[in-house]
Amino acid sequence: MHRPWENENCAEIHAYYSIYPVPVAAALWCDVPPNEVDKYLSEAIEVSPGIFRHPSVKCLEVKCRVIQNAIIEQVLPVSRENGKVVTDHVAPARRHVSRKHLKEWISREFPAKKPAFLFDDIERKTHASINADSFHALQVDLDAARSENEKLRARVKKLTEERDLLYGENNSLKAMVEKNCTPDPRSETTLLNIVGTLLKLMLSSSPAGQAHSIFKSQAAIISALLAYFPNVPGISDRTLEQKFADANRSLAAT
């Protein structure tokens, strides 16, 4: 029977404490497979101490220089073969960097250039500036925005319901006004007959031949109405002519 700990080789934990010579770190950063690093480095040309160039690995020289420069500027901790970080001068050929320090440095300086040998898929897709605190802050902002959005939705729903209610009331009032403003046929006939008889009276004379008014024609009455009541709704030449004509026909039909 196999015990769980007998098959656990702790590869990931061992890798955490790995150290790399600068050329090896540069080659791995260029995505050279680990089992082919020695082959490519053996084919490479050392153009200056600790700086290698390979015709097929275009970025090898650049990344060697970047790592070496970071070590010189003391922004990337360096050690010799034993992995113990030192602050004194280390010959370029003996410079080693730990996996931990290399990962931290690349995360800080080159967040968009995270190599697969140091970072898993999630880490490579996550920007360095997004940490637990910033994620929590974003989550709080998102929750607040969602809450505000729900409030706005409820407000819009309420306003929509109030609008629909007002539309209904408006249509109801409009129907009532139209109903009240539209006389029934009998009332309309009565009004036309009154207008017709007034016209006939104003344009006629008494049995003794005395004119009942100063107006000699319907046109004269219309002119006077327009002159005395210019801003009254319905008092227009066309409307008066139409209504007088309707009144004469109504009166004649009685």
Protein backbone atom coordinates (compact mmCIF):
# COMPACT_ATOMS: atom_id res chain seq x y z
CA MET A 1 0.00 0.00 0.00
CA HIS A 2 1.43 3.36 -1.06
CA ARG A 3 1.35 6.21 1.39
CA PRO A 4 0.45 9.68 -0.08
CA TRP A 5 3.72 11.25 0.98
CA GLU A 6 5.76 8.56 -0.80
CA ASN A 7 4.59 9.84 -4.21
CA GLU A 8 4.76 13.58 -3.45
CA ASN A 9 8.02 14.93 -4.85
CA CYS A 10 7.24 18.60 -3.99
CA ALA A 11 8.45 19.66 -7.43
CA GLU A 12 6.79 23.04 -7.23
CA ILE A 13 8.29 23.76 -3.82
CA HIS A 14 11.75 22.62 -4.96
CA ALA A 15 11.41 24.88 -8.00
CA TYR A 16 10.64 27.81 -5.69
CA TYR A 17 14.18 27.54 -4.31
CA SER A 18 15.84 27.00 -7.70
CA ILE A 19 18.68 29.24 -8.76
CA TYR A 20 19.69 29.93 -12.35
CA PRO A 21 22.87 31.17 -13.99
CA VAL A 22 22.03 34.39 -15.83
CA PRO A 23 22.24 32.83 -19.35
CA VAL A 24 19.95 29.98 -18.26
CA ALA A 25 17.43 32.42 -16.76
CA ALA A 26 17.53 34.48 -19.96
CA ALA A 27 17.02 31.40 -22.18
CA LEU A 28 14.08 30.20 -20.07
CA TRP A 29 12.63 33.71 -20.19
CA CYS A 30 12.84 33.43 -24.00
CA ASP A 31 10.62 30.31 -23.68
CA VAL A 32 13.38 27.87 -24.59
CA PRO A 33 12.23 24.46 -23.21
CA PRO A 34 14.19 23.53 -20.05
CA ASN A 35 15.51 20.32 -21.61
CA GLU A 36 16.95 22.28 -24.55
CA VAL A 37 18.55 25.18 -22.67
CA ASP A 38 22.00 23.53 -22.47
CA LYS A 39 21.92 22.73 -26.17
CA TYR A 40 21.13 26.31 -27.22
CA LEU A 41 23.61 27.83 -24.79
CA SER A 42 26.36 25.54 -26.07
CA GLU A 43 25.67 26.87 -29.57
CA ALA A 44 25.52 30.50 -28.41
CA ILE A 45 28.36 32.99 -28.68
CA GLU A 46 29.46 34.92 -25.60
CA VAL A 47 29.69 38.44 -26.97
CA SER A 48 30.80 39.84 -23.61
CA PRO A 49 31.12 38.38 -20.09
CA GLY A 50 27.78 36.82 -19.16
CA ILE A 51 26.09 38.01 -22.39
CA PHE A 52 25.21 35.35 -24.98
CA ARG A 53 23.87 35.58 -28.53
CA HIS A 54 22.12 32.85 -30.53
CA PRO A 55 20.85 33.23 -34.11
CA SER A 56 17.65 31.28 -33.41
CA VAL A 57 16.87 32.75 -29.99
CA LYS A 58 16.62 36.42 -30.92
CA CYS A 59 15.88 37.75 -27.43
CA LEU A 60 18.63 35.81 -25.63
CA GLU A 61 21.21 38.62 -25.80
CA VAL A 62 18.71 41.32 -24.82
CA LYS A 63 17.45 39.41 -21.80
CA CYS A 64 20.97 38.52 -20.69
CA ARG A 65 21.81 42.21 -20.75
CA VAL A 66 18.60 43.20 -18.92
CA ILE A 67 19.23 40.68 -16.11
CA GLN A 68 22.92 41.57 -15.83
CA ASN A 69 22.06 45.28 -15.69
CA ALA A 70 19.45 44.69 -12.97
CA ILE A 71 22.10 42.87 -10.94
CA ILE A 72 24.58 45.72 -11.41
CA GLU A 73 21.97 48.27 -10.36
CA GLN A 74 21.17 46.07 -7.33
CA VAL A 75 17.46 45.82 -8.12
CA LEU A 76 17.77 42.05 -8.62
CA PRO A 77 19.53 40.10 -5.82
CA VAL A 78 22.48 37.99 -6.98
CA SER A 79 24.32 34.99 -5.63
CA ARG A 80 27.07 32.63 -6.65
CA GLU A 81 26.61 28.90 -7.23
CA ASN A 82 25.64 28.25 -3.60
CA GLY A 83 22.51 30.43 -3.88
CA LYS A 84 23.44 32.69 -0.97
CA VAL A 85 22.60 36.30 -1.82
CA VAL A 86 25.60 38.62 -1.62
CA THR A 87 26.10 42.35 -2.00
CA ASP A 88 29.72 42.33 -3.07
CA HIS A 89 30.92 42.05 -6.66
CA VAL A 90 30.25 38.75 -8.44
CA ALA A 91 31.95 37.95 -11.73
CA PRO A 92 29.42 37.93 -14.62
CA ALA A 93 30.12 34.26 -15.39
CA ARG A 94 29.27 33.24 -11.80
CA ARG A 95 26.14 35.33 -11.33
CA HIS A 96 23.07 33.36 -10.34
CA VAL A 97 19.53 34.51 -9.56
CA SER A 98 16.92 32.68 -7.51
CA ARG A 99 13.55 31.79 -8.91
CA LYS A 100 11.84 33.77 -6.13
CA HIS A 101 13.82 36.98 -6.77
CA LEU A 102 13.60 36.64 -10.55
CA LYS A 103 9.82 36.20 -10.39
CA GLU A 104 9.39 39.23 -8.12
CA TRP A 105 11.61 41.38 -10.34
CA ILE A 106 9.89 40.42 -13.60
CA SER A 107 6.45 40.96 -12.00
CA ARG A 108 7.51 44.44 -11.00
CA GLU A 109 9.48 45.54 -14.05
CA PHE A 110 7.93 43.51 -16.91
CA PRO A 111 4.35 42.59 -15.93
CA ALA A 112 3.41 42.00 -19.57
CA LYS A 113 6.38 39.65 -20.20
CA LYS A 114 5.79 36.89 -17.65
CA PRO A 115 7.48 33.63 -18.75
CA ALA A 116 5.72 30.29 -18.37
CA PHE A 117 8.60 28.73 -16.39
CA LEU A 118 7.92 31.20 -13.53
CA PHE A 119 4.21 31.99 -13.77
CA ASP A 120 1.12 29.81 -14.15
CA ASP A 121 -1.68 30.69 -16.58
CA ILE A 122 -3.65 32.71 -14.04
CA GLU A 123 -0.60 34.71 -12.98
CA ARG A 124 0.28 35.45 -16.60
CA LYS A 125 -3.19 36.81 -17.30
CA THR A 126 -3.34 38.90 -14.12
CA HIS A 127 -1.72 42.32 -14.14
CA ALA A 128 0.80 42.90 -11.38
CA SER A 129 -1.07 45.94 -10.08
CA ILE A 130 -4.10 43.79 -9.23
CA ASN A 131 -3.53 42.39 -5.75
CA ALA A 132 -5.89 41.26 -3.01
CA ASP A 133 -6.45 44.78 -1.72
CA SER A 134 -7.11 46.31 -5.13
CA PHE A 135 -9.35 43.39 -6.04
CA HIS A 136 -11.32 43.90 -2.82
CA ALA A 137 -11.61 47.62 -3.55
CA LEU A 138 -12.85 46.87 -7.07
CA GLN A 139 -15.33 44.36 -5.68
CA VAL A 140 -16.65 46.94 -3.20
CA ASP A 141 -17.03 49.48 -6.03
CA LEU A 142 -18.78 46.88 -8.16
CA ASP A 143 -21.20 45.96 -5.37
CA ALA A 144 -21.94 49.64 -4.77
CA ALA A 145 -22.54 50.18 -8.49
CA ARG A 146 -24.87 47.18 -8.59
CA SER A 147 -26.80 48.48 -5.58
CA GLU A 148 -27.12 51.92 -7.16
CA ASN A 149 -28.19 50.33 -10.42
CA GLU A 150 -30.94 48.40 -8.64
CA LYS A 151 -32.15 51.63 -7.00
CA LEU A 152 -32.21 53.36 -10.37
CA ARG A 153 -34.11 50.45 -11.90
CA ALA A 154 -36.70 50.66 -9.12
CA ARG A 155 -36.95 54.43 -9.59
CA VAL A 156 -37.39 54.07 -13.35
CA LYS A 157 -40.07 51.41 -12.80
CA LYS A 158 -41.95 53.69 -10.38
CA LEU A 159 -41.72 56.68 -12.73
CA THR A 160 -42.90 54.53 -15.64
CA GLU A 161 -45.91 53.39 -13.64
CA GLU A 162 -46.70 57.00 -12.66
CA ARG A 163 -46.36 58.10 -16.29
CA ASP A 164 -48.70 55.34 -17.47
CA LEU A 165 -51.21 56.34 -14.77
CA LEU A 166 -51.06 59.99 -15.87
CA TYR A 167 -51.50 58.96 -19.49
CA GLY A 168 -54.60 57.01 -18.50
CA GLU A 169 -56.02 59.89 -16.52
CA ASN A 170 -55.22 62.32 -19.33
CA ASN A 171 -56.97 60.15 -21.92
CA SER A 172 -59.97 59.80 -19.61
CA LEU A 173 -60.20 63.57 -19.07
CA LYS A 174 -59.73 64.20 -22.77
CA ALA A 175 -62.62 61.87 -23.58
CA MET A 176 -64.81 63.59 -21.02
CA VAL A 177 -63.99 67.05 -22.40
CA GLU A 178 -64.62 65.94 -25.97
CA LYS A 179 -67.92 64.42 -24.91
CA ASN A 180 -68.98 67.58 -23.11
CA CYS A 181 -67.82 69.83 -25.93
CA THR A 182 -69.72 67.94 -28.58
CA PRO A 183 -73.41 68.89 -28.40
CA ASP A 184 -76.02 66.30 -29.19
CA PRO A 185 -77.95 66.79 -32.45
CA ARG A 186 -80.95 68.33 -30.70
CA SER A 187 -78.84 70.89 -28.82
CA GLU A 188 -76.93 71.77 -31.95
CA THR A 189 -80.19 72.33 -33.87
CA THR A 190 -81.44 74.57 -31.09
CA LEU A 191 -78.25 76.69 -31.20
CA LEU A 192 -78.35 76.98 -34.99
CA ASN A 193 -82.03 78.00 -34.88
CA ILE A 194 -81.24 80.72 -32.32
CA VAL A 195 -78.44 82.08 -34.52
CA GLY A 196 -80.69 81.85 -37.58
CA THR A 197 -83.56 83.73 -35.97
CA LEU A 198 -81.20 86.45 -34.68
CA LEU A 199 -79.80 86.91 -38.17
CA LYS A 200 -83.27 87.06 -39.68
CA LEU A 201 -84.41 89.56 -37.05
CA MET A 202 -81.35 91.82 -37.49
CA LEU A 203 -81.76 91.93 -41.24
CA SER A 204 -85.55 92.45 -41.30
CA SER A 205 -87.90 95.41 -40.62
CA SER A 206 -90.95 96.05 -38.47
CA PRO A 207 -94.46 96.07 -40.03
CA ALA A 208 -94.15 99.88 -40.19
CA GLY A 209 -90.99 99.51 -42.29
CA GLN A 210 -88.50 100.39 -39.50
CA ALA A 211 -85.21 98.40 -39.75
CA HIS A 212 -84.49 96.29 -36.69
CA SER A 213 -80.71 96.99 -36.91
CA ILE A 214 -78.18 99.05 -38.77
CA PHE A 215 -76.88 95.99 -40.60
CA LYS A 216 -77.97 95.53 -44.19
CA SER A 217 -76.43 92.11 -44.84
CA GLN A 218 -74.85 89.04 -43.32
CA ALA A 219 -71.46 90.26 -44.57
CA ALA A 220 -71.90 93.51 -42.61
CA ILE A 221 -72.64 91.54 -39.43
CA ILE A 222 -69.54 89.40 -39.97
CA SER A 223 -67.38 92.51 -40.51
CA ALA A 224 -68.68 94.04 -37.29
CA LEU A 225 -68.08 90.88 -35.29
CA LEU A 226 -64.52 90.67 -36.61
CA ALA A 227 -63.91 94.31 -35.73
CA TYR A 228 -65.31 94.16 -32.20
CA PHE A 229 -64.11 90.64 -31.24
CA PRO A 230 -60.84 90.03 -33.12
CA ASN A 231 -59.28 87.64 -30.56
CA VAL A 232 -62.25 85.53 -29.60
CA PRO A 233 -61.87 81.85 -30.58
CA GLY A 234 -64.26 80.91 -33.38
CA ILE A 235 -64.76 84.49 -34.54
CA SER A 236 -63.23 84.30 -38.00
CA ASP A 237 -64.57 85.12 -41.42
CA ARG A 238 -64.64 81.54 -42.62
CA THR A 239 -66.14 80.09 -39.41
CA LEU A 240 -68.87 82.76 -39.20
CA GLU A 241 -69.86 82.25 -42.81
CA GLN A 242 -70.09 78.50 -42.28
CA LYS A 243 -72.07 78.77 -39.06
CA PHE A 244 -74.46 81.41 -40.47
CA ALA A 245 -75.09 79.21 -43.49
CA ASP A 246 -75.78 76.21 -41.23
CA ALA A 247 -78.13 78.37 -39.13
CA ASN A 248 -80.11 79.53 -42.17
CA ARG A 249 -80.47 75.95 -43.42
CA SER A 250 -81.57 74.74 -39.97
CA LEU A 251 -84.14 77.50 -39.68
CA ALA A 252 -85.47 76.86 -43.14
CA ALA A 253 -85.89 73.17 -42.34
CA THR A 254 -88.19 73.82 -39.37
